[in-house]
């Protein structure tokens, strides 16, 4: 009977981070408290954010604006500034992965197949920076 209970307990646990956070609470209480404070901040921010500020398309997909900060040595002819097309390609690949539309999704390892999913998140280049200025 004990074996069955153990299997049921493991089957009901959805996230391994719960075990990790419990262990962290014991082994590093200061770090644990930092994580708890951050989680509280995120919860408060999420609940106080006006729904009009959230970017969700009509299909319910969450749109996350992103900014790329490209650093390169303009004096080195072998290191070229990545093109806008290259940046767009990387965003497209990221979106395919998050929407589970990537060509290699059939290669998902068996332990993850039951939880692999379209998370309904897409990334797009930001048009406006946090100060309201247009991005380039």
Foldseek 3Di string as FASTA:
>chain_A
DVVVVVVVVVVPDDDPVVVVLVVCCVVPVVVSVVVVVVVVVVVVCVVPDDPVPWDADPVRAGEAADDDDDDDDPVDPVTDTDDPVVVVVVQVQVQCQLQVVDPCSVVPDPVCPVPRHNPRYGYDHDQADPVRHGDD
